[in-house]
């Protein structure tokens, strides 16, 4: 159909709708014929035309549609240009990183200038009034705004951060940070002055990206801008952490003076509240990033005193001491019975001072599962004197099971542990592994409650708290309502290599109570194991040596009381305990878990009025993962509680 026919049909339909008579055909024809000049005489002869009101509202609408169409076309072309600028800029960023690494100074300057030009062009486009108006249009507006805000954020980073980042890349090569025997601190020293400005820039960029509703934008828009949004979201907190804590971390690594730390390796096979029996420990000395394992007379004295009977004071006050066995402070391997890692650290510090007259700067704890994560990054280790290679895949079995079965004599197994620990330390301190991958596994170990740290310096201790490695038992509910259950081996065994646990937290809003439960399974395959693995004290209780005997300890919420336990008590009531831990009402129930059996122990605490903070959960880590379930009934009582990942 021709344009003339389309107009004729539309005009006919309109007038028929209004009930008006159809005009002469030449009136419609006139709309589509070229305009021609006529003489005055011809005007005089022309028949007067009837005016129609429809023209006064049709022409404005047509005009608006034409303007909108033109604007849409312009906006589309601009959007394509912005896309092209950002795409080219992304490619150029990859080029400039390689140029920095290759030392191509001239190339870096040229590419950086091109990146800044592309960013400025895109930013100028999205800041014009047309983009602002389009952002208010329903449906498409969210997509327009998303592109605009991403472009603004990118331009901020390119203009304000890129010069510093390029300068940093010239000396800060992650692949070269781990050097033989420690860490090269010089790149960290150089980055410290740059971090405040970088932090401010990324926070500013993030403020633009926070305006984007990613659920409202179209897939192809998400595909083009999602990478930038994710990059800034990931980099911003890392830069914030670096800006806040790097000045604290550098002295911890021996920048400006030597630091000494005790590193404990907790053995989950003989479980303790924060992991296990610390059968092995090392004293690390760090100077200017270089780490050495001390093997002097002080270390020998420390070990002899710790394993031969410390002579240190007992637990105070008496209501706290009532929760633990009497030899808890007598031997170093029992210090980790305390759920509060600061208590453990305090006794390690006292032991070191009693043995040497010196003071430690901090105490650090890892378990063999954490070591397996580290070896997965650092690589396999050959244990000298033994035909054994320890890897990320077999470290847990070798260190917590095979060692006791292959070397059932305690002295021989200790020699193996010492040789393995020395070899593993040397491997981790060697160059060649990926620092970022090591940072990632430390994050994983921390989340699984396998890493604890306590420091003398208050700034360093504050950092441990911020990273969640302080192992703190909260005695108030200012920031969290902490619940937890802690296990201590009472059989003097290594049976807990075969222990698996899970945690469950349920609430009763009407009664204002929270119930914390631990379910324990003994999966020992048979009783044909070494005497070192099987329970030493089981015969005193008339139990098979394959039965796990555990002190199961828990606390009420601050200001609350434990009002119920399940079971109410054990069959060995003399082993059940009642007390108070750092101001918290506490109970310890003696639990026995036979081979192939599963047992659950629960503690119910009242929740004081006014508690309105998220729940957090502590537990004793085992050889396997510990699933945590928080029931829906707790979500209203403790708003902001995060549902644990499966």
Foldseek 3Di string as FASTA:
>chain_A
DDPLVVQQVVVVVVCVVVVHDDDDPVVSVVVVDDDDDDDPVVVVVDDDDDDDPVVVPVVVVVVVVVVVVVLVVVVVVLVVLLLVLVVVLVVLVVVLLVCLVVVVVVSNVVSLVSSLVSLVSSLVSCPDVSLVVCLPDPLCNLLSLQSNLLSVLVNLCSVQPVVVVSVLSNPDDQQPQQAQQFGQCVSLVVCQVVLVSNLVSLVVSLVSNVVHDVVRHDPVSCVRRVVSNVVSVVVNVVSVCSNQPSVVVQVVQADPHKAKEKEFAAEQLQFAQLAHFRLDIWIWIHHNGGIDTDDDPLVVLLQCCQAVFPPDDFDPDPLANLQDDRCQLGHLRNLRNDLQVVSNFVSSQVSSCVRPVDGHFKYKYAYQLLLLQLQQFLDWWDQPPDRDIDHSVCSSCVLQPVLCQVPVDPVSSSVSVVSVVVRSVSSSSHRDGRPVSNVVSVLVCLVQSRIAMDGPDPSVRVVRVVSNRRSHDDQALPAAFEWEKGKGFPQQASQLLQKAKAWEWEADVVQQKIKIKMKIFRADPDDPGRPRHFGPCQVVVPHPSNKTKIWMKIWATNVKEFPQKVVNADPPNVSKGWGADPRTTMIIHIDIAHHGGMDMMMTMIHHDPPNAAEYDYGYHRGSDGYHYAYDPNCCVVHPPYDGDDD
